[in-house]
């Protein structure tokens, strides 16, 4: 009988411990805010592939397969318009772009624009005969 009463006491304590046990809660640590480090703008030497009022597509010299496309920052829009009024950059022009790494926004653009190629009227390569020469008698 002793074993039955000991068994009943142990079961009663286990049952009361399960019913009145404190609710387990996950520990919640306070949120740690990391200060975002702002990156400094850098200059990048590139060659122009395409240049217009909305986008600038460039290629990095020595890495011909790496092509980047930039939009213009609002501060650079007036500079881009001045360049376009002068004829703009042409394919292959060497320029420098100031941008923040990881973004695709050009903050400033430096470089000498080549003269735009104008289409001159085509000249014939050989003189055109207008009349047939008559045989001499």
N, C-alpha and C. Protein backbone atom coordinates (compact mmCIF):
# COMPACT_ATOMS: atom_id res chain seq x y z
N UNK A 1 0.78 -1.16 0.00
CA UNK A 1 0.00 0.00 0.00
C UNK A 1 0.85 1.27 0.00
N UNK A 2 2.04 1.12 0.58
CA UNK A 2 2.93 2.26 0.60
C UNK A 2 3.30 2.68 -0.81
N UNK A 3 3.52 1.73 -1.65
CA UNK A 3 3.93 2.08 -3.00
C UNK A 3 2.79 2.77 -3.76
N UNK A 4 1.54 2.36 -3.48
CA UNK A 4 0.41 3.01 -4.13
C UNK A 4 0.25 4.43 -3.66
N UNK A 5 0.41 4.71 -2.37
CA UNK A 5 0.27 6.07 -1.86
C UNK A 5 1.43 6.95 -2.35
N UNK A 6 2.62 6.38 -2.45
CA UNK A 6 3.76 7.15 -2.97
C UNK A 6 3.52 7.46 -4.45
N UNK A 7 3.01 6.47 -5.16
CA UNK A 7 2.70 6.68 -6.58
C UNK A 7 1.64 7.75 -6.76
N UNK A 8 0.61 7.77 -5.91
CA UNK A 8 -0.47 8.76 -6.00
C UNK A 8 0.05 10.14 -5.68
N UNK A 9 0.95 10.27 -4.74
CA UNK A 9 1.50 11.58 -4.38
C UNK A 9 2.36 12.12 -5.52
N UNK A 10 3.18 11.27 -6.09
CA UNK A 10 4.04 11.71 -7.20
C UNK A 10 3.19 12.14 -8.39
N UNK A 11 2.16 11.37 -8.70
CA UNK A 11 1.28 11.73 -9.82
C UNK A 11 0.53 13.03 -9.53
N UNK A 12 0.09 13.21 -8.29
CA UNK A 12 -0.61 14.45 -7.92
C UNK A 12 0.28 15.66 -8.05
N UNK A 13 1.54 15.53 -7.62
CA UNK A 13 2.48 16.64 -7.73
C UNK A 13 2.79 16.95 -9.20
N UNK A 14 2.94 15.93 -10.02
CA UNK A 14 3.22 16.14 -11.44
C UNK A 14 2.05 16.82 -12.14
N UNK A 15 0.84 16.39 -11.78
CA UNK A 15 -0.35 16.98 -12.38
C UNK A 15 -0.52 18.42 -11.94
N UNK A 16 -0.30 18.71 -10.66
CA UNK A 16 -0.44 20.09 -10.19
C UNK A 16 0.66 20.96 -10.77
N UNK A 17 1.83 20.40 -10.98
CA UNK A 17 2.92 21.16 -11.59
C UNK A 17 2.62 21.49 -13.04
N UNK A 18 1.96 20.58 -13.74
CA UNK A 18 1.62 20.83 -15.13
C UNK A 18 0.52 21.86 -15.26
N UNK A 19 -0.43 21.85 -14.31
CA UNK A 19 -1.55 22.78 -14.39
C UNK A 19 -1.14 24.17 -13.95
N UNK A 20 -0.37 24.27 -12.90
CA UNK A 20 -0.03 25.58 -12.35
C UNK A 20 1.36 26.06 -12.76
N UNK A 21 1.96 25.42 -13.72
CA UNK A 21 3.29 25.83 -14.17
C UNK A 21 3.21 27.17 -14.89
N UNK A 22 4.23 28.00 -14.75
CA UNK A 22 4.21 29.28 -15.46
C UNK A 22 4.29 29.04 -16.97
N UNK A 23 3.61 29.90 -17.71
CA UNK A 23 3.58 29.77 -19.16
C UNK A 23 4.95 30.13 -19.72
N UNK A 24 5.48 29.26 -20.54
CA UNK A 24 6.79 29.51 -21.14
C UNK A 24 6.64 30.58 -22.21
N UNK A 25 7.48 31.57 -22.16
CA UNK A 25 7.42 32.63 -23.18
C UNK A 25 8.80 32.78 -23.79
N UNK A 26 8.79 33.14 -25.05
CA UNK A 26 10.06 33.34 -25.75
C UNK A 26 10.69 34.63 -25.28
N UNK A 27 11.97 34.58 -25.17
CA UNK A 27 12.65 35.80 -24.76
C UNK A 27 12.72 36.74 -25.96
N UNK A 28 12.31 37.94 -25.75
CA UNK A 28 12.32 38.94 -26.80
C UNK A 28 13.38 39.96 -26.43
N UNK A 29 14.38 40.07 -27.31
CA UNK A 29 15.42 41.06 -27.05
C UNK A 29 15.00 42.38 -27.68
N UNK A 30 15.49 43.45 -27.16
CA UNK A 30 15.13 44.74 -27.74
C UNK A 30 15.71 44.86 -29.16
N UNK A 31 15.02 45.60 -30.01
CA UNK A 31 15.44 45.78 -31.40
C UNK A 31 16.66 46.69 -31.41
N UNK A 32 17.68 46.24 -32.09
CA UNK A 32 18.91 47.02 -32.19
C UNK A 32 18.91 47.69 -33.55
N UNK A 33 18.94 48.99 -33.57
CA UNK A 33 18.97 49.74 -34.82
C UNK A 33 20.43 50.02 -35.18
N UNK A 34 20.83 49.54 -36.33
CA UNK A 34 22.19 49.79 -36.79
C UNK A 34 22.20 51.07 -37.61
N UNK A 35 23.17 51.88 -37.37
CA UNK A 35 23.27 53.12 -38.11
C UNK A 35 23.80 52.80 -39.51
N UNK A 36 23.06 53.23 -40.52
CA UNK A 36 23.44 52.95 -41.89
C UNK A 36 24.59 53.87 -42.28
N UNK A 37 25.64 53.26 -42.77
CA UNK A 37 26.80 54.02 -43.18
C UNK A 37 26.57 54.53 -44.59
N UNK A 38 26.63 55.82 -44.76
CA UNK A 38 26.43 56.38 -46.10
C UNK A 38 27.74 56.24 -46.87
N UNK A 39 27.62 55.79 -48.10
CA UNK A 39 28.79 55.62 -48.93
C UNK A 39 29.12 56.92 -49.62
N UNK A 40 30.38 57.11 -49.85
CA UNK A 40 30.83 58.31 -50.54
C UNK A 40 30.76 58.09 -52.04
N UNK A 41 30.41 59.12 -52.79
CA UNK A 41 30.42 58.99 -54.26
C UNK A 41 31.84 58.79 -54.78
N UNK A 42 31.94 58.03 -55.85
CA UNK A 42 33.24 57.77 -56.48
C UNK A 42 33.15 58.13 -57.96
N UNK A 43 34.32 58.32 -58.57
CA UNK A 43 34.40 58.60 -60.00
C UNK A 43 34.71 57.29 -60.72
N UNK A 44 34.10 57.10 -61.87
CA UNK A 44 34.29 55.90 -62.67
C UNK A 44 34.61 56.32 -64.09
N UNK A 45 35.74 55.83 -64.63
CA UNK A 45 36.12 56.13 -66.02
C UNK A 45 35.47 55.11 -66.93
N UNK A 46 34.73 55.61 -67.92
CA UNK A 46 33.96 54.74 -68.81
C UNK A 46 34.00 55.26 -70.23
N UNK A 47 33.50 54.43 -71.15
CA UNK A 47 33.30 54.83 -72.55
C UNK A 47 31.81 54.84 -72.84
N UNK A 48 31.38 55.83 -73.57
CA UNK A 48 29.96 55.98 -73.87
C UNK A 48 29.52 54.96 -74.91
N UNK A 49 28.41 54.30 -74.64
CA UNK A 49 27.76 53.45 -75.63
C UNK A 49 26.56 54.18 -76.20
N UNK A 50 25.76 54.79 -75.32
CA UNK A 50 24.58 55.55 -75.75
C UNK A 50 24.34 56.66 -74.74
N UNK A 51 23.97 57.84 -75.25
CA UNK A 51 23.73 58.99 -74.39
C UNK A 51 22.50 59.71 -74.91
N UNK A 52 21.49 59.87 -74.06
CA UNK A 52 20.33 60.67 -74.40
C UNK A 52 19.84 61.39 -73.16
N UNK A 53 18.71 62.05 -73.26
CA UNK A 53 18.24 62.88 -72.14
C UNK A 53 17.74 62.08 -70.96
N UNK A 54 17.46 60.79 -71.13
CA UNK A 54 16.93 59.98 -70.03
C UNK A 54 17.95 59.01 -69.44
N UNK A 55 18.79 58.42 -70.28
CA UNK A 55 19.70 57.37 -69.84
C UNK A 55 21.09 57.56 -70.40
N UNK A 56 22.05 57.00 -69.70
CA UNK A 56 23.43 56.96 -70.14
C UNK A 56 23.89 55.51 -70.04
N UNK A 57 24.22 54.91 -71.16
CA UNK A 57 24.71 53.53 -71.18
C UNK A 57 26.20 53.59 -71.47
N UNK A 58 27.00 52.94 -70.61
CA UNK A 58 28.45 53.03 -70.73
C UNK A 58 29.07 51.64 -70.62
N UNK A 59 30.34 51.58 -71.01
CA UNK A 59 31.12 50.34 -70.93
C UNK A 59 32.42 50.68 -70.21
N UNK A 60 32.86 49.78 -69.35
CA UNK A 60 34.11 49.98 -68.62
C UNK A 60 35.26 49.51 -69.51
N UNK A 61 36.26 50.36 -69.76
CA UNK A 61 37.37 49.96 -70.62
C UNK A 61 38.09 48.74 -70.02
N UNK A 62 38.43 47.80 -70.87
CA UNK A 62 39.09 46.59 -70.43
C UNK A 62 38.13 45.49 -70.03
N UNK A 63 36.88 45.85 -69.80
CA UNK A 63 35.83 44.89 -69.46
C UNK A 63 34.66 45.12 -70.40
N UNK A 64 34.85 44.81 -71.67
CA UNK A 64 33.87 45.13 -72.70
C UNK A 64 32.52 44.47 -72.46
N UNK A 65 32.50 43.36 -71.74
CA UNK A 65 31.22 42.69 -71.51
C UNK A 65 30.44 43.32 -70.36
N UNK A 66 31.05 44.22 -69.61
CA UNK A 66 30.36 44.86 -68.49
C UNK A 66 29.80 46.20 -68.95
N UNK A 67 28.49 46.25 -69.08
CA UNK A 67 27.80 47.46 -69.52
C UNK A 67 26.91 47.95 -68.40
N UNK A 68 26.97 49.24 -68.10
CA UNK A 68 26.18 49.85 -67.03
C UNK A 68 25.25 50.89 -67.62
N UNK A 69 24.08 51.04 -67.02
CA UNK A 69 23.13 52.05 -67.45
C UNK A 69 22.82 52.95 -66.26
N UNK A 70 22.90 54.25 -66.48
CA UNK A 70 22.65 55.23 -65.42
C UNK A 70 21.50 56.15 -65.80
N UNK A 71 20.75 56.55 -64.81
CA UNK A 71 19.82 57.67 -64.95
C UNK A 71 20.53 58.88 -64.36
N UNK A 72 19.92 60.05 -64.46
CA UNK A 72 20.56 61.26 -63.99
C UNK A 72 19.89 61.76 -62.73
N UNK A 73 20.69 62.24 -61.78
CA UNK A 73 20.16 62.88 -60.59
C UNK A 73 19.55 64.21 -61.01
N UNK A 74 18.63 64.70 -60.19
CA UNK A 74 17.97 65.97 -60.54
C UNK A 74 18.99 67.11 -60.62
N UNK A 75 20.06 67.03 -59.85
CA UNK A 75 21.09 68.07 -59.91
C UNK A 75 21.90 68.01 -61.20
N UNK A 76 21.90 66.87 -61.88
CA UNK A 76 22.68 66.72 -63.10
C UNK A 76 21.85 66.95 -64.36
N UNK A 77 20.54 67.13 -64.24
CA UNK A 77 19.68 67.30 -65.42
C UNK A 77 20.07 68.53 -66.25
N UNK A 78 20.36 69.63 -65.58
CA UNK A 78 20.71 70.85 -66.33
C UNK A 78 22.05 70.67 -67.04
N UNK A 79 22.98 69.97 -66.41
CA UNK A 79 24.27 69.70 -67.04
C UNK A 79 24.09 68.81 -68.27
N UNK A 80 23.24 67.81 -68.18
CA UNK A 80 22.98 66.91 -69.30
C UNK A 80 22.35 67.68 -70.45
N UNK A 81 21.43 68.59 -70.15
CA UNK A 81 20.78 69.36 -71.20
C UNK A 81 21.77 70.26 -71.92
N UNK A 82 22.73 70.84 -71.19
CA UNK A 82 23.76 71.67 -71.82
C UNK A 82 24.62 70.83 -72.76
N UNK A 83 24.96 69.62 -72.32
CA UNK A 83 25.78 68.73 -73.15
C UNK A 83 25.01 68.34 -74.40
N UNK A 84 23.72 68.04 -74.25
CA UNK A 84 22.90 67.67 -75.41
C UNK A 84 22.77 68.82 -76.39
N UNK A 85 22.67 70.05 -75.90
CA UNK A 85 22.56 71.21 -76.78
C UNK A 85 23.83 71.40 -77.62
N UNK A 86 24.97 70.97 -77.08
CA UNK A 86 26.23 71.08 -77.81
C UNK A 86 26.46 69.91 -78.75
N UNK A 87 25.59 68.92 -78.73
CA UNK A 87 25.74 67.77 -79.61
C UNK A 87 25.79 66.46 -78.87
N UNK A 88 26.04 66.49 -77.56
CA UNK A 88 26.03 65.28 -76.76
C UNK A 88 27.28 64.44 -76.92
N UNK A 89 27.35 63.38 -76.12
CA UNK A 89 28.45 62.44 -76.22
C UNK A 89 28.15 61.43 -77.32
N UNK A 90 29.18 61.02 -78.01
CA UNK A 90 29.04 60.05 -79.09
C UNK A 90 29.62 58.71 -78.65
N UNK A 91 29.31 57.68 -79.39
CA UNK A 91 29.80 56.34 -79.10
C UNK A 91 31.33 56.35 -79.00
N UNK A 92 31.86 55.82 -77.91
CA UNK A 92 33.31 55.71 -77.73
C UNK A 92 33.94 56.86 -76.99
N UNK A 93 33.22 57.94 -76.69
CA UNK A 93 33.80 59.06 -75.94
C UNK A 93 34.19 58.59 -74.55
N UNK A 94 35.36 59.02 -74.09
CA UNK A 94 35.82 58.68 -72.74
C UNK A 94 35.32 59.75 -71.78
N UNK A 95 34.57 59.34 -70.77
CA UNK A 95 34.04 60.27 -69.78
C UNK A 95 34.24 59.69 -68.38
N UNK A 96 33.94 60.51 -67.37
CA UNK A 96 33.95 60.06 -65.99
C UNK A 96 32.59 60.33 -65.39
N UNK A 97 32.10 59.40 -64.59
CA UNK A 97 30.80 59.52 -63.95
C UNK A 97 30.99 59.47 -62.44
N UNK A 98 30.37 60.38 -61.74
CA UNK A 98 30.38 60.36 -60.28
C UNK A 98 29.07 59.74 -59.83
N UNK A 99 29.16 58.65 -59.07
CA UNK A 99 27.97 57.95 -58.60
C UNK A 99 28.28 57.27 -57.27
N UNK A 100 27.25 56.83 -56.59
CA UNK A 100 27.40 56.09 -55.34
C UNK A 100 27.36 54.61 -55.69
N UNK A 101 28.40 53.84 -55.32
CA UNK A 101 28.41 52.41 -55.65
C UNK A 101 27.16 51.70 -55.14
N UNK A 102 26.62 50.84 -55.96
CA UNK A 102 25.40 50.12 -55.62
C UNK A 102 24.15 50.79 -56.14
N UNK A 103 24.29 51.97 -56.71
CA UNK A 103 23.14 52.66 -57.29
C UNK A 103 23.38 52.84 -58.79
N UNK A 104 22.38 53.29 -59.49
CA UNK A 104 22.51 53.53 -60.92
C UNK A 104 22.10 54.96 -61.27
N UNK A 105 22.46 55.89 -60.40
CA UNK A 105 22.13 57.30 -60.61
C UNK A 105 23.43 58.08 -60.74
N UNK A 106 23.62 58.74 -61.88
CA UNK A 106 24.80 59.55 -62.11
C UNK A 106 24.60 60.91 -61.45
N UNK A 107 25.52 61.27 -60.56
CA UNK A 107 25.42 62.54 -59.87
C UNK A 107 26.06 63.67 -60.69
N UNK A 108 27.17 63.37 -61.34
CA UNK A 108 27.86 64.33 -62.20
C UNK A 108 28.51 63.60 -63.35
N UNK A 109 28.76 64.32 -64.42
CA UNK A 109 29.41 63.74 -65.60
C UNK A 109 30.48 64.71 -66.07
N UNK A 110 31.67 64.18 -66.32
CA UNK A 110 32.77 64.98 -66.86
C UNK A 110 33.32 64.29 -68.08
N UNK A 111 33.69 65.08 -69.05
CA UNK A 111 34.33 64.52 -70.22
C UNK A 111 34.19 65.46 -71.40
N UNK A 112 35.08 65.27 -72.35
CA UNK A 112 35.04 66.11 -73.54
C UNK A 112 34.24 65.38 -74.61
N UNK A 113 33.23 66.05 -75.09
CA UNK A 113 32.38 65.47 -76.13
C UNK A 113 33.06 65.61 -77.48
N UNK A 114 33.03 64.54 -78.25
CA UNK A 114 33.55 64.63 -79.61
C UNK A 114 32.53 65.34 -80.49
N UNK A 115 33.00 65.80 -81.64
CA UNK A 115 32.08 66.50 -82.53
C UNK A 115 31.11 65.49 -83.12
N UNK A 116 29.83 65.85 -83.16
CA UNK A 116 28.86 64.90 -83.73
C UNK A 116 29.12 64.69 -85.21
N UNK A 117 28.89 63.48 -85.64
CA UNK A 117 29.09 63.15 -87.04
C UNK A 117 27.91 63.68 -87.84
N UNK A 118 28.22 64.55 -88.77
CA UNK A 118 27.16 65.09 -89.63
C UNK A 118 27.18 64.34 -90.94
N UNK A 119 26.04 64.13 -91.50
CA UNK A 119 25.98 63.42 -92.78
C UNK A 119 26.15 64.44 -93.89
N UNK A 120 27.25 64.31 -94.60
CA UNK A 120 27.50 65.21 -95.72
C UNK A 120 26.81 64.64 -96.96
N UNK A 121 26.44 65.51 -97.89
CA UNK A 121 25.78 64.98 -99.10
C UNK A 121 26.74 64.03 -99.81
N UNK A 122 26.20 62.95 -100.28
CA UNK A 122 27.05 61.95 -100.93
C UNK A 122 27.54 62.46 -102.28
N UNK A 123 28.80 62.21 -102.54
CA UNK A 123 29.40 62.63 -103.81
C UNK A 123 29.58 61.39 -104.66
N UNK A 124 29.32 61.53 -105.93
CA UNK A 124 29.54 60.36 -106.79
C UNK A 124 31.02 60.03 -106.85
N UNK A 125 31.31 58.77 -106.97
CA UNK A 125 32.71 58.36 -107.02
C UNK A 125 33.28 58.43 -108.44
N UNK A 126 32.43 58.38 -109.42
CA UNK A 126 32.88 58.47 -110.81
C UNK A 126 32.00 59.49 -111.52
N UNK A 127 32.55 60.17 -112.52
CA UNK A 127 31.72 61.14 -113.23
C UNK A 127 30.57 60.44 -113.96
N UNK A 128 29.47 61.10 -113.99
CA UNK A 128 28.30 60.54 -114.66
C UNK A 128 28.27 61.08 -116.08
N UNK A 129 28.15 60.19 -117.04
CA UNK A 129 28.05 60.63 -118.44
C UNK A 129 26.60 60.97 -118.73
N UNK A 130 26.43 62.14 -119.26
CA UNK A 130 25.08 62.56 -119.59
C UNK A 130 24.75 62.29 -121.05
N UNK A 131 25.74 62.34 -121.97
CA UNK A 131 25.51 62.02 -123.36
C UNK A 131 26.55 61.02 -123.82
N UNK A 132 26.11 60.31 -124.75
CA UNK A 132 27.01 59.31 -125.31
C UNK A 132 27.89 59.98 -126.37
N UNK A 133 29.15 59.70 -126.28
CA UNK A 133 30.07 60.29 -127.25
C UNK A 133 29.82 59.67 -128.63
N UNK A 134 29.74 60.53 -129.63
CA UNK A 134 29.52 60.02 -130.98
C UNK A 134 30.84 59.64 -131.61
N UNK A 135 30.81 58.61 -132.47
CA UNK A 135 32.08 58.21 -133.12
C UNK A 135 32.57 59.29 -134.07
N UNK A 136 33.85 59.44 -134.14
CA UNK A 136 34.47 60.46 -135.00
C UNK A 136 34.66 59.87 -136.40
N UNK A 137 34.21 60.64 -137.43
CA UNK A 137 34.36 60.19 -138.82
C UNK A 137 35.65 60.60 -139.37
